[in-house]
Amino acid sequence: LREVFFLGSEADFQSRPEAFTTCWLHTNAQIQLQALDALICPEAPMPRGHVHTGFQTSYLSFANELLEALQESSGPVCLIGYSLGGALATLAAVHLCCSGFTQIDLITFGSPRVGNEV
C-alpha cells in the first residue's frame, strides 16, 4: 500500500507563516472555475469538468513528480487529505485514475468543493 498525505494550509501557517500567505493567495484567492487541465485527465469526457483555479494551479505544480514517484512501485494507492490537502488529494485521485491506476482510495477531511458536477 502506497500512502500519500496532503496537508491543509494551516500546517504552513504554523511552521512557515510567510509560506501560508503565498499558499492562500495561490489557492483560496483564485476561486473562479476553469476547465480541468488535459494534463490531469487527457481522456476526460466532453464537456470537460471545471475545477477551482487555485487548487488546479497548486496541484499542477507537483503533479508530474507525484505520478513519477507512484509509477516506481506497484500496489494500491491511498490518498489522504485535510482541508486544502483534501482538494489536492481529490485532483490527485482523478489524475491517477486517468493515468491507469486502478486501486485508488481517497480519504478527505474538511475538503472544500473542488469543482462542478460532471
PDB file of N, CA and C in Angstrom:
ATOM      1  N   LEU A   1       0.845  -1.191   0.000  1.00  0.00           N
ATOM      2  CA  LEU A   1       0.000   0.000   0.000  1.00  0.00           C
ATOM      3  C   LEU A   1       0.884   1.246   0.000  1.00  0.00           C
ATOM      4  N   ARG A   2       0.632   2.133  -0.956  1.00  0.00           N
ATOM      5  CA  ARG A   2       1.355   3.403  -1.037  1.00  0.00           C
ATOM      6  C   ARG A   2       0.432   4.500  -0.517  1.00  0.00           C
ATOM      7  N   GLU A   3       0.875   5.213   0.510  1.00  0.00           N
ATOM      8  CA  GLU A   3       0.062   6.259   1.111  1.00  0.00           C
ATOM      9  C   GLU A   3       0.670   7.626   0.810  1.00  0.00           C
ATOM     10  N   VAL A   4      -0.205   8.555   0.429  1.00  0.00           N
ATOM     11  CA  VAL A   4       0.215   9.919   0.154  1.00  0.00           C
ATOM     12  C   VAL A   4      -0.651  10.839   1.004  1.00  0.00           C
ATOM     13  N   PHE A   5      -0.015  11.696   1.793  1.00  0.00           N
ATOM     14  CA  PHE A   5      -0.721  12.621   2.676  1.00  0.00           C
ATOM     15  C   PHE A   5      -0.614  14.043   2.144  1.00  0.00           C
ATOM     16  N   PHE A   6      -1.740  14.739   2.095  1.00  0.00           N
ATOM     17  CA  PHE A   6      -1.789  16.132   1.660  1.00  0.00           C
ATOM     18  C   PHE A   6      -2.262  16.954   2.856  1.00  0.00           C
ATOM     19  N   LEU A   7      -1.433  17.880   3.312  1.00  0.00           N
ATOM     20  CA  LEU A   7      -1.766  18.698   4.469  1.00  0.00           C
ATOM     21  C   LEU A   7      -2.548  19.935   4.062  1.00  0.00           C
ATOM     22  N   GLY A   8      -3.316  20.470   5.009  1.00  0.00           N
ATOM     23  CA  GLY A   8      -4.024  21.715   4.791  1.00  0.00           C
ATOM     24  C   GLY A   8      -3.083  22.902   4.901  1.00  0.00           C
ATOM     25  N   SER A   9      -3.561  24.061   4.511  1.00  0.00           N
ATOM     26  CA  SER A   9      -2.722  25.258   4.543  1.00  0.00           C
ATOM     27  C   SER A   9      -2.376  25.674   5.965  1.00  0.00           C
ATOM     28  N   GLU A  10      -3.150  25.212   6.949  1.00  0.00           N
ATOM     29  CA  GLU A  10      -2.855  25.551   8.341  1.00  0.00           C
ATOM     30  C   GLU A  10      -1.482  25.032   8.764  1.00  0.00           C
ATOM     31  N   ALA A  11      -1.048  23.935   8.194  1.00  0.00           N
ATOM     32  CA  ALA A  11       0.263  23.367   8.531  1.00  0.00           C
ATOM     33  C   ALA A  11       1.371  24.354   8.170  1.00  0.00           C
ATOM     34  N   ASP A  12       1.243  25.019   7.024  1.00  0.00           N
ATOM     35  CA  ASP A  12       2.224  26.026   6.631  1.00  0.00           C
ATOM     36  C   ASP A  12       2.192  27.222   7.565  1.00  0.00           C
ATOM     37  N   PHE A  13       0.993  27.606   7.999  1.00  0.00           N
ATOM     38  CA  PHE A  13       0.882  28.777   8.865  1.00  0.00           C
ATOM     39  C   PHE A  13       1.624  28.551  10.174  1.00  0.00           C
ATOM     40  N   GLN A  14       1.527  27.350  10.707  1.00  0.00           N
ATOM     41  CA  GLN A  14       2.164  27.059  11.983  1.00  0.00           C
ATOM     42  C   GLN A  14       3.686  27.021  11.874  1.00  0.00           C
ATOM     43  N   SER A  15       4.190  26.448  10.801  1.00  0.00           N
ATOM     44  CA  SER A  15       5.639  26.292  10.689  1.00  0.00           C
ATOM     45  C   SER A  15       6.312  27.386   9.861  1.00  0.00           C
ATOM     46  N   ARG A  16       5.583  27.929   8.878  1.00  0.00           N
ATOM     47  CA  ARG A  16       6.160  28.947   7.993  1.00  0.00           C
ATOM     48  C   ARG A  16       5.089  29.981   7.638  1.00  0.00           C
ATOM     49  N   PRO A  17       4.858  30.953   8.493  1.00  0.00           N
ATOM     50  CA  PRO A  17       3.798  31.934   8.231  1.00  0.00           C
ATOM     51  C   PRO A  17       3.922  32.649   6.888  1.00  0.00           C
ATOM     52  N   GLU A  18       5.140  32.908   6.435  1.00  0.00           N
ATOM     53  CA  GLU A  18       5.314  33.597   5.159  1.00  0.00           C
ATOM     54  C   GLU A  18       4.852  32.720   3.991  1.00  0.00           C
ATOM     55  N   ALA A  19       5.026  31.413   4.090  1.00  0.00           N
ATOM     56  CA  ALA A  19       4.580  30.494   3.041  1.00  0.00           C
ATOM     57  C   ALA A  19       3.066  30.380   3.026  1.00  0.00           C
ATOM     58  N   PHE A  20       2.442  30.516   4.195  1.00  0.00           N
ATOM     59  CA  PHE A  20       0.987  30.436   4.286  1.00  0.00           C
ATOM     60  C   PHE A  20       0.335  31.506   3.422  1.00  0.00           C
ATOM     61  N   THR A  21       0.847  32.721   3.477  1.00  0.00           N
ATOM     62  CA  THR A  21       0.274  33.822   2.700  1.00  0.00           C
ATOM     63  C   THR A  21       0.369  33.523   1.208  1.00  0.00           C
ATOM     64  N   THR A  22       1.499  33.065   0.764  1.00  0.00           N
ATOM     65  CA  THR A  22       1.675  32.713  -0.643  1.00  0.00           C
ATOM     66  C   THR A  22       0.720  31.590  -1.035  1.00  0.00           C
ATOM     67  N   CYS A  23       0.631  30.576  -0.199  1.00  0.00           N
ATOM     68  CA  CYS A  23      -0.267  29.451  -0.449  1.00  0.00           C
ATOM     69  C   CYS A  23      -1.706  29.943  -0.563  1.00  0.00           C
ATOM     70  N   TRP A  24      -2.130  30.781   0.359  1.00  0.00           N
ATOM     71  CA  TRP A  24      -3.502  31.270   0.372  1.00  0.00           C
ATOM     72  C   TRP A  24      -3.798  32.073  -0.885  1.00  0.00           C
ATOM     73  N   LEU A  25      -2.867  32.925  -1.294  1.00  0.00           N
ATOM     74  CA  LEU A  25      -3.084  33.743  -2.484  1.00  0.00           C
ATOM     75  C   LEU A  25      -3.175  32.901  -3.745  1.00  0.00           C
ATOM     76  N   HIS A  26      -2.439  31.792  -3.799  1.00  0.00           N
ATOM     77  CA  HIS A  26      -2.443  30.947  -4.997  1.00  0.00           C
ATOM     78  C   HIS A  26      -3.591  29.942  -5.019  1.00  0.00           C
ATOM     79  N   THR A  27      -4.245  29.743  -3.896  1.00  0.00           N
ATOM     80  CA  THR A  27      -5.347  28.763  -3.878  1.00  0.00           C
ATOM     81  C   THR A  27      -6.669  29.436  -3.550  1.00  0.00           C
ATOM     82  N   ASN A  28      -6.854  29.868  -2.319  1.00  0.00           N
ATOM     83  CA  ASN A  28      -8.136  30.392  -1.878  1.00  0.00           C
ATOM     84  C   ASN A  28      -8.548  31.673  -2.590  1.00  0.00           C
ATOM     85  N   ALA A  29      -7.601  32.499  -2.982  1.00  0.00           N
ATOM     86  CA  ALA A  29      -7.938  33.768  -3.626  1.00  0.00           C
ATOM     87  C   ALA A  29      -8.324  33.584  -5.095  1.00  0.00           C
ATOM     88  N   GLN A  30      -8.070  32.423  -5.666  1.00  0.00           N
ATOM     89  CA  GLN A  30      -8.406  32.150  -7.075  1.00  0.00           C
ATOM     90  C   GLN A  30      -9.617  31.222  -7.118  1.00  0.00           C
ATOM     91  N   ILE A  31     -10.803  31.790  -6.868  1.00  0.00           N
ATOM     92  CA  ILE A  31     -11.982  30.945  -6.673  1.00  0.00           C
ATOM     93  C   ILE A  31     -12.769  30.653  -7.941  1.00  0.00           C
ATOM     94  N   GLN A  32     -12.448  31.284  -9.052  1.00  0.00           N
ATOM     95  CA  GLN A  32     -13.190  31.010 -10.273  1.00  0.00           C
ATOM     96  C   GLN A  32     -12.900  29.586 -10.755  1.00  0.00           C
ATOM     97  N   LEU A  33     -13.816  29.052 -11.547  1.00  0.00           N
ATOM     98  CA  LEU A  33     -13.637  27.710 -12.093  1.00  0.00           C
ATOM     99  C   LEU A  33     -13.033  27.802 -13.484  1.00  0.00           C
ATOM    100  N   GLN A  34     -12.210  26.810 -13.818  1.00  0.00           N
ATOM    101  CA  GLN A  34     -11.656  26.708 -15.163  1.00  0.00           C
ATOM    102  C   GLN A  34     -11.738  25.251 -15.596  1.00  0.00           C
ATOM    103  N   ALA A  35     -11.581  25.021 -16.886  1.00  0.00           N
ATOM    104  CA  ALA A  35     -11.670  23.655 -17.410  1.00  0.00           C
ATOM    105  C   ALA A  35     -10.581  22.784 -16.786  1.00  0.00           C
ATOM    106  N   LEU A  36     -10.932  21.537 -16.515  1.00  0.00           N
ATOM    107  CA  LEU A  36      -9.967  20.572 -16.000  1.00  0.00           C
ATOM    108  C   LEU A  36      -8.836  20.448 -17.000  1.00  0.00           C
ATOM    109  N   ASP A  37      -7.614  20.627 -16.545  1.00  0.00           N
ATOM    110  CA  ASP A  37      -6.438  20.615 -17.408  1.00  0.00           C
ATOM    111  C   ASP A  37      -6.241  19.229 -18.028  1.00  0.00           C
ATOM    112  N   ALA A  38      -5.875  19.201 -19.304  1.00  0.00           N
ATOM    113  CA  ALA A  38      -5.659  17.937 -20.003  1.00  0.00           C
ATOM    114  C   ALA A  38      -4.521  17.130 -19.400  1.00  0.00           C
ATOM    115  N   LEU A  39      -3.587  17.773 -18.702  1.00  0.00           N
ATOM    116  CA  LEU A  39      -2.518  17.037 -18.030  1.00  0.00           C
ATOM    117  C   LEU A  39      -3.093  16.123 -16.952  1.00  0.00           C
ATOM    118  N   ILE A  40      -4.131  16.587 -16.275  1.00  0.00           N
ATOM    119  CA  ILE A  40      -4.751  15.787 -15.215  1.00  0.00           C
ATOM    120  C   ILE A  40      -5.555  14.643 -15.807  1.00  0.00           C
ATOM    121  N   CYS A  41      -6.329  14.932 -16.839  1.00  0.00           N
ATOM    122  CA  CYS A  41      -7.149  13.873 -17.441  1.00  0.00           C
ATOM    123  C   CYS A  41      -7.318  14.120 -18.937  1.00  0.00           C
ATOM    124  N   PRO A  42      -6.389  13.613 -19.744  1.00  0.00           N
ATOM    125  CA  PRO A  42      -6.454  13.860 -21.190  1.00  0.00           C
ATOM    126  C   PRO A  42      -7.659  13.219 -21.862  1.00  0.00           C
ATOM    127  N   GLU A  43      -8.192  12.175 -21.275  1.00  0.00           N
ATOM    128  CA  GLU A  43      -9.315  11.457 -21.879  1.00  0.00           C
ATOM    129  C   GLU A  43     -10.647  11.859 -21.262  1.00  0.00           C
ATOM    130  N   ALA A  44     -10.709  13.048 -20.659  1.00  0.00           N
ATOM    131  CA  ALA A  44     -11.935  13.476 -19.975  1.00  0.00           C
ATOM    132  C   ALA A  44     -13.100  13.542 -20.955  1.00  0.00           C
ATOM    133  N   PRO A  45     -14.274  13.069 -20.528  1.00  0.00           N
ATOM    134  CA  PRO A  45     -15.445  13.141 -21.408  1.00  0.00           C
ATOM    135  C   PRO A  45     -15.832  14.608 -21.644  1.00  0.00           C
ATOM    136  N   MET A  46     -16.420  14.843 -22.771  1.00  0.00           N
ATOM    137  CA  MET A  46     -16.879  16.203 -23.063  1.00  0.00           C
ATOM    138  C   MET A  46     -18.310  16.314 -22.570  1.00  0.00           C
ATOM    139  N   PRO A  47     -18.767  17.401 -21.978  1.00  0.00           N
ATOM    140  CA  PRO A  47     -17.912  18.550 -21.727  1.00  0.00           C
ATOM    141  C   PRO A  47     -16.970  18.285 -20.561  1.00  0.00           C
ATOM    142  N   ARG A  48     -15.794  18.809 -20.660  1.00  0.00           N
ATOM    143  CA  ARG A  48     -14.785  18.649 -19.613  1.00  0.00           C
ATOM    144  C   ARG A  48     -15.265  19.331 -18.339  1.00  0.00           C
ATOM    145  N   GLY A  49     -14.992  18.704 -17.206  1.00  0.00           N
ATOM    146  CA  GLY A  49     -15.364  19.284 -15.923  1.00  0.00           C
ATOM    147  C   GLY A  49     -14.611  20.579 -15.657  1.00  0.00           C
ATOM    148  N   HIS A  50     -15.129  21.362 -14.740  1.00  0.00           N
ATOM    149  CA  HIS A  50     -14.480  22.604 -14.336  1.00  0.00           C
ATOM    150  C   HIS A  50     -14.074  22.491 -12.874  1.00  0.00           C
ATOM    151  N   VAL A  51     -12.893  23.004 -12.567  1.00  0.00           N
ATOM    152  CA  VAL A  51     -12.349  22.907 -11.221  1.00  0.00           C
ATOM    153  C   VAL A  51     -11.884  24.279 -10.743  1.00  0.00           C
ATOM    154  N   HIS A  52     -11.725  24.391  -9.435  1.00  0.00           N
ATOM    155  CA  HIS A  52     -11.253  25.614  -8.776  1.00  0.00           C
ATOM    156  C   HIS A  52      -9.869  25.957  -9.322  1.00  0.00           C
ATOM    157  N   THR A  53      -9.717  27.150  -9.850  1.00  0.00           N
ATOM    158  CA  THR A  53      -8.464  27.569 -10.482  1.00  0.00           C
ATOM    159  C   THR A  53      -7.268  27.433  -9.550  1.00  0.00           C
ATOM    160  N   GLY A  54      -7.403  27.891  -8.319  1.00  0.00           N
ATOM    161  CA  GLY A  54      -6.277  27.850  -7.385  1.00  0.00           C
ATOM    162  C   GLY A  54      -5.859  26.446  -7.020  1.00  0.00           C
ATOM    163  N   PHE A  55      -6.837  25.561  -6.805  1.00  0.00           N
ATOM    164  CA  PHE A  55      -6.497  24.174  -6.460  1.00  0.00           C
ATOM    165  C   PHE A  55      -5.794  23.493  -7.625  1.00  0.00           C
ATOM    166  N   GLN A  56      -6.310  23.720  -8.845  1.00  0.00           N
ATOM    167  CA  GLN A  56      -5.701  23.091 -10.015  1.00  0.00           C
ATOM    168  C   GLN A  56      -4.279  23.613 -10.232  1.00  0.00           C
ATOM    169  N   THR A  57      -4.081  24.914 -10.114  1.00  0.00           N
ATOM    170  CA  THR A  57      -2.748  25.502 -10.279  1.00  0.00           C
ATOM    171  C   THR A  57      -1.776  24.909  -9.263  1.00  0.00           C
ATOM    172  N   SER A  58      -2.222  24.799  -8.027  1.00  0.00           N
ATOM    173  CA  SER A  58      -1.377  24.228  -6.980  1.00  0.00           C
ATOM    174  C   SER A  58      -1.058  22.767  -7.277  1.00  0.00           C
ATOM    175  N   TYR A  59      -2.068  21.984  -7.662  1.00  0.00           N
ATOM    176  CA  TYR A  59      -1.828  20.563  -7.944  1.00  0.00           C
ATOM    177  C   TYR A  59      -0.869  20.389  -9.121  1.00  0.00           C
ATOM    178  N   LEU A  60      -1.061  21.172 -10.162  1.00  0.00           N
ATOM    179  CA  LEU A  60      -0.207  21.030 -11.346  1.00  0.00           C
ATOM    180  C   LEU A  60       1.255  21.353 -11.055  1.00  0.00           C
ATOM    181  N   SER A  61       1.520  22.092  -9.977  1.00  0.00           N
ATOM    182  CA  SER A  61       2.902  22.440  -9.646  1.00  0.00           C
ATOM    183  C   SER A  61       3.715  21.222  -9.197  1.00  0.00           C
ATOM    184  N   PHE A  62       3.042  20.125  -8.807  1.00  0.00           N
ATOM    185  CA  PHE A  62       3.778  18.919  -8.397  1.00  0.00           C
ATOM    186  C   PHE A  62       3.200  17.638  -8.997  1.00  0.00           C
ATOM    187  N   ALA A  63       2.260  17.731  -9.887  1.00  0.00           N
ATOM    188  CA  ALA A  63       1.570  16.564 -10.433  1.00  0.00           C
ATOM    189  C   ALA A  63       2.511  15.563 -11.105  1.00  0.00           C
ATOM    190  N   ASN A  64       3.414  16.040 -11.923  1.00  0.00           N
ATOM    191  CA  ASN A  64       4.331  15.130 -12.626  1.00  0.00           C
ATOM    192  C   ASN A  64       5.225  14.365 -11.659  1.00  0.00           C
ATOM    193  N   GLU A  65       5.731  15.050 -10.641  1.00  0.00           N
ATOM    194  CA  GLU A  65       6.595  14.396  -9.656  1.00  0.00           C
ATOM    195  C   GLU A  65       5.832  13.320  -8.887  1.00  0.00           C
ATOM    196  N   LEU A  66       4.576  13.613  -8.534  1.00  0.00           N
ATOM    197  CA  LEU A  66       3.759  12.632  -7.825  1.00  0.00           C
ATOM    198  C   LEU A  66       3.536  11.398  -8.696  1.00  0.00           C
ATOM    199  N   LEU A  67       3.156  11.614  -9.934  1.00  0.00           N
ATOM    200  CA  LEU A  67       2.895  10.499 -10.844  1.00  0.00           C
ATOM    201  C   LEU A  67       4.150   9.651 -11.047  1.00  0.00           C
ATOM    202  N   GLU A  68       5.280  10.283 -11.258  1.00  0.00           N
ATOM    203  CA  GLU A  68       6.534   9.546 -11.447  1.00  0.00           C
ATOM    204  C   GLU A  68       6.893   8.726 -10.212  1.00  0.00           C
ATOM    205  N   ALA A  69       6.738   9.318  -9.039  1.00  0.00           N
ATOM    206  CA  ALA A  69       7.076   8.604  -7.801  1.00  0.00           C
ATOM    207  C   ALA A  69       6.174   7.387  -7.602  1.00  0.00           C
ATOM    208  N   LEU A  70       4.886   7.520  -7.914  1.00  0.00           N
ATOM    209  CA  LEU A  70       3.964   6.401  -7.712  1.00  0.00           C
ATOM    210  C   LEU A  70       4.113   5.327  -8.779  1.00  0.00           C
ATOM    211  N   GLN A  71       4.619   5.674  -9.948  1.00  0.00           N
ATOM    212  CA  GLN A  71       4.817   4.683 -11.004  1.00  0.00           C
ATOM    213  C   GLN A  71       6.043   3.812 -10.757  1.00  0.00           C
ATOM    214  N   GLU A  72       6.889   4.189  -9.797  1.00  0.00           N
ATOM    215  CA  GLU A  72       8.097   3.423  -9.499  1.00  0.00           C
ATOM    216  C   GLU A  72       7.809   2.151  -8.715  1.00  0.00           C
ATOM    217  N   SER A  73       6.610   2.026  -8.166  1.00  0.00           N
ATOM    218  CA  SER A  73       6.251   0.809  -7.432  1.00  0.00           C
ATOM    219  C   SER A  73       4.818   0.446  -7.787  1.00  0.00           C
ATOM    220  N   SER A  74       4.384  -0.711  -7.312  1.00  0.00           N
ATOM    221  CA  SER A  74       3.037  -1.152  -7.650  1.00  0.00           C
ATOM    222  C   SER A  74       2.214  -1.355  -6.380  1.00  0.00           C
ATOM    223  N   GLY A  75       0.946  -1.588  -6.584  1.00  0.00           N
ATOM    224  CA  GLY A  75       0.033  -1.822  -5.475  1.00  0.00           C
ATOM    225  C   GLY A  75      -0.967  -0.698  -5.323  1.00  0.00           C
ATOM    226  N   PRO A  76      -1.884  -0.860  -4.385  1.00  0.00           N
ATOM    227  CA  PRO A  76      -2.914   0.152  -4.162  1.00  0.00           C
ATOM    228  C   PRO A  76      -2.322   1.477  -3.693  1.00  0.00           C
ATOM    229  N   VAL A  77      -3.039   2.554  -3.987  1.00  0.00           N
ATOM    230  CA  VAL A  77      -2.644   3.887  -3.553  1.00  0.00           C
ATOM    231  C   VAL A  77      -3.750   4.438  -2.667  1.00  0.00           C
ATOM    232  N   CYS A  78      -3.364   4.990  -1.525  1.00  0.00           N
ATOM    233  CA  CYS A  78      -4.311   5.636  -0.625  1.00  0.00           C
ATOM    234  C   CYS A  78      -3.926   7.105  -0.505  1.00  0.00           C
ATOM    235  N   LEU A  79      -4.830   7.989  -0.945  1.00  0.00           N
ATOM    236  CA  LEU A  79      -4.612   9.425  -0.883  1.00  0.00           C
ATOM    237  C   LEU A  79      -5.424   9.973   0.281  1.00  0.00           C
ATOM    238  N   ILE A  80      -4.769  10.716   1.163  1.00  0.00           N
ATOM    239  CA  ILE A  80      -5.413  11.238   2.362  1.00  0.00           C
ATOM    240  C   ILE A  80      -5.144  12.736   2.425  1.00  0.00           C
ATOM    241  N   GLY A  81      -6.207  13.538   2.629  1.00  0.00           N
ATOM    242  CA  GLY A  81      -6.013  14.972   2.679  1.00  0.00           C
ATOM    243  C   GLY A  81      -6.973  15.668   3.610  1.00  0.00           C
ATOM    244  N   TYR A  82      -6.491  16.760   4.192  1.00  0.00           N
ATOM    245  CA  TYR A  82      -7.293  17.587   5.082  1.00  0.00           C
ATOM    246  C   TYR A  82      -7.352  19.009   4.531  1.00  0.00           C
ATOM    247  N   SER A  83      -8.542  19.597   4.484  1.00  0.00           N
ATOM    248  CA  SER A  83      -8.742  20.977   4.068  1.00  0.00           C
ATOM    249  C   SER A  83      -8.185  21.172   2.653  1.00  0.00           C
ATOM    250  N   LEU A  84      -7.279  22.099   2.454  1.00  0.00           N
ATOM    251  CA  LEU A  84      -6.667  22.295   1.141  1.00  0.00           C
ATOM    252  C   LEU A  84      -6.078  20.976   0.646  1.00  0.00           C
ATOM    253  N   GLY A  85      -5.492  20.205   1.538  1.00  0.00           N
ATOM    254  CA  GLY A  85      -4.940  18.905   1.168  1.00  0.00           C
ATOM    255  C   GLY A  85      -6.004  17.955   0.641  1.00  0.00           C
ATOM    256  N   GLY A  86      -7.230  18.076   1.129  1.00  0.00           N
ATOM    257  CA  GLY A  86      -8.330  17.257   0.620  1.00  0.00           C
ATOM    258  C   GLY A  86      -8.649  17.601  -0.824  1.00  0.00           C
ATOM    259  N   ALA A  87      -8.616  18.885  -1.146  1.00  0.00           N
ATOM    260  CA  ALA A  87      -8.852  19.305  -2.528  1.00  0.00           C
ATOM    261  C   ALA A  87      -7.747  18.774  -3.439  1.00  0.00           C
ATOM    262  N   LEU A  88      -6.498  18.864  -2.981  1.00  0.00           N
ATOM    263  CA  LEU A  88      -5.376  18.372  -3.784  1.00  0.00           C
ATOM    264  C   LEU A  88      -5.425  16.855  -3.929  1.00  0.00           C
ATOM    265  N   ALA A  89      -5.818  16.159  -2.873  1.00  0.00           N
ATOM    266  CA  ALA A  89      -5.942  14.699  -2.936  1.00  0.00           C
ATOM    267  C   ALA A  89      -7.031  14.293  -3.929  1.00  0.00           C
ATOM    268  N   THR A  90      -8.112  15.062  -3.978  1.00  0.00           N
ATOM    269  CA  THR A  90      -9.192  14.777  -4.921  1.00  0.00           C
ATOM    270  C   THR A  90      -8.697  14.905  -6.356  1.00  0.00           C
ATOM    271  N   LEU A  91      -7.967  15.974  -6.650  1.00  0.00           N
ATOM    272  CA  LEU A  91      -7.403  16.130  -8.000  1.00  0.00           C
ATOM    273  C   LEU A  91      -6.391  15.033  -8.303  1.00  0.00           C
ATOM    274  N   ALA A  92      -5.618  14.639  -7.303  1.00  0.00           N
ATOM    275  CA  ALA A  92      -4.654  13.552  -7.498  1.00  0.00           C
ATOM    276  C   ALA A  92      -5.382  12.256  -7.835  1.00  0.00           C
ATOM    277  N   ALA A  93      -6.504  11.997  -7.179  1.00  0.00           N
ATOM    278  CA  ALA A  93      -7.270  10.774  -7.458  1.00  0.00           C
ATOM    279  C   ALA A  93      -7.766  10.762  -8.904  1.00  0.00           C
ATOM    280  N   VAL A  94      -8.255  11.891  -9.388  1.00  0.00           N
ATOM    281  CA  VAL A  94      -8.698  11.981 -10.785  1.00  0.00           C
ATOM    282  C   VAL A  94      -7.513  11.749 -11.718  1.00  0.00           C
ATOM    283  N   HIS A  95      -6.386  12.396 -11.419  1.00  0.00           N
ATOM    284  CA  HIS A  95      -5.186  12.274 -12.246  1.00  0.00           C
ATOM    285  C   HIS A  95      -4.711  10.814 -12.308  1.00  0.00           C
ATOM    286  N   LEU A  96      -4.624  10.163 -11.159  1.00  0.00           N
ATOM    287  CA  LEU A  96      -4.154   8.777 -11.128  1.00  0.00           C
ATOM    288  C   LEU A  96      -5.118   7.855 -11.855  1.00  0.00           C
ATOM    289  N   CYS A  97      -6.406   8.068 -11.663  1.00  0.00           N
ATOM    290  CA  CYS A  97      -7.408   7.243 -12.350  1.00  0.00           C
ATOM    291  C   CYS A  97      -7.273   7.391 -13.866  1.00  0.00           C
ATOM    292  N   CYS A  98      -7.112   8.613 -14.337  1.00  0.00           N
ATOM    293  CA  CYS A  98      -6.954   8.866 -15.771  1.00  0.00           C
ATOM    294  C   CYS A  98      -5.605   8.402 -16.303  1.00  0.00           C
ATOM    295  N   SER A  99      -4.664   8.121 -15.398  1.00  0.00           N
ATOM    296  CA  SER A  99      -3.330   7.657 -15.799  1.00  0.00           C
ATOM    297  C   SER A  99      -3.189   6.149 -15.702  1.00  0.00           C
ATOM    298  N   GLY A 100      -4.292   5.448 -15.470  1.00  0.00           N
ATOM    299  CA  GLY A 100      -4.266   3.997 -15.497  1.00  0.00           C
ATOM    300  C   GLY A 100      -4.180   3.294 -14.158  1.00  0.00           C
ATOM    301  N   PHE A 101      -4.105   4.027 -13.068  1.00  0.00           N
ATOM    302  CA  PHE A 101      -4.111   3.397 -11.747  1.00  0.00           C
ATOM    303  C   PHE A 101      -5.520   2.847 -11.490  1.00  0.00           C
ATOM    304  N   THR A 102      -5.596   1.648 -10.957  1.00  0.00           N
ATOM    305  CA  THR A 102      -6.913   1.026 -10.767  1.00  0.00           C
ATOM    306  C   THR A 102      -7.305   0.834  -9.307  1.00  0.00           C
ATOM    307  N   GLN A 103      -6.346   0.887  -8.398  1.00  0.00           N
ATOM    308  CA  GLN A 103      -6.644   0.704  -6.979  1.00  0.00           C
ATOM    309  C   GLN A 103      -6.315   1.989  -6.237  1.00  0.00           C
ATOM    310  N   ILE A 104      -7.319   2.864  -6.135  1.00  0.00           N
ATOM    311  CA  ILE A 104      -7.130   4.175  -5.513  1.00  0.00           C
ATOM    312  C   ILE A 104      -8.174   4.357  -4.423  1.00  0.00           C
ATOM    313  N   ASP A 105      -7.725   4.638  -3.222  1.00  0.00           N
ATOM    314  CA  ASP A 105      -8.623   5.019  -2.135  1.00  0.00           C
ATOM    315  C   ASP A 105      -8.406   6.499  -1.866  1.00  0.00           C
ATOM    316  N   LEU A 106      -9.500   7.220  -1.641  1.00  0.00           N
ATOM    317  CA  LEU A 106      -9.432   8.651  -1.358  1.00  0.00           C
ATOM    318  C   LEU A 106     -10.141   8.912  -0.039  1.00  0.00           C
ATOM    319  N   ILE A 107      -9.409   9.505   0.903  1.00  0.00           N
ATOM    320  CA  ILE A 107      -9.972   9.858   2.207  1.00  0.00           C
ATOM    321  C   ILE A 107      -9.711  11.341   2.427  1.00  0.00           C
ATOM    322  N   THR A 108     -10.780  12.118   2.600  1.00  0.00           N
ATOM    323  CA  THR A 108     -10.618  13.551   2.848  1.00  0.00           C
ATOM    324  C   THR A 108     -11.374  13.956   4.101  1.00  0.00           C
ATOM    325  N   PHE A 109     -10.868  14.993   4.746  1.00  0.00           N
ATOM    326  CA  PHE A 109     -11.482  15.569   5.936  1.00  0.00           C
ATOM    327  C   PHE A 109     -11.590  17.074   5.712  1.00  0.00           C
ATOM    328  N   GLY A 110     -12.780  17.610   5.774  1.00  0.00           N
ATOM    329  CA  GLY A 110     -12.949  19.054   5.636  1.00  0.00           C
ATOM    330  C   GLY A 110     -12.498  19.593   4.306  1.00  0.00           C
ATOM    331  N   SER A 111     -12.669  18.814   3.247  1.00  0.00           N
ATOM    332  CA  SER A 111     -12.247  19.267   1.920  1.00  0.00           C
ATOM    333  C   SER A 111     -13.264  20.245   1.362  1.00  0.00           C
ATOM    334  N   PRO A 112     -12.800  21.338   0.774  1.00  0.00           N
ATOM    335  CA  PRO A 112     -13.724  22.245   0.082  1.00  0.00           C
ATOM    336  C   PRO A 112     -14.193  21.624  -1.237  1.00  0.00           C
ATOM    337  N   ARG A 113     -15.214  22.193  -1.800  1.00  0.00           N
ATOM    338  CA  ARG A 113     -15.684  21.735  -3.110  1.00  0.00           C
ATOM    339  C   ARG A 113     -14.603  22.044  -4.151  1.00  0.00           C
ATOM    340  N   VAL A 114     -14.241  21.054  -4.933  1.00  0.00           N
ATOM    341  CA  VAL A 114     -13.129  21.190  -5.870  1.00  0.00           C
ATOM    342  C   VAL A 114     -13.587  21.684  -7.236  1.00  0.00           C
ATOM    343  N   GLY A 115     -14.790  21.323  -7.643  1.00  0.00           N
ATOM    344  CA  GLY A 115     -15.261  21.721  -8.964  1.00  0.00           C
ATOM    345  C   GLY A 115     -16.744  21.488  -9.113  1.00  0.00           C
ATOM    346  N   ASN A 116     -17.184  21.492 -10.380  1.00  0.00           N
ATOM    347  CA  ASN A 116     -18.596  21.296 -10.649  1.00  0.00           C
ATOM    348  C   ASN A 116     -18.925  19.811 -10.785  1.00  0.00           C
ATOM    349  N   GLU A 117     -20.200  19.519 -10.943  1.00  0.00           N
ATOM    350  CA  GLU A 117     -20.628  18.125 -11.133  1.00  0.00           C
ATOM    351  C   GLU A 117     -20.555  17.789 -12.610  1.00  0.00           C
ATOM    352  N   VAL A 118     -19.824  16.762 -12.947  1.00  0.00           N
ATOM    353  CA  VAL A 118     -19.755  16.275 -14.329  1.00  0.00           C
ATOM    354  C   VAL A 118     -19.932  14.778 -14.293  1.00  0.00           C
TER     355      VAL A 118
END
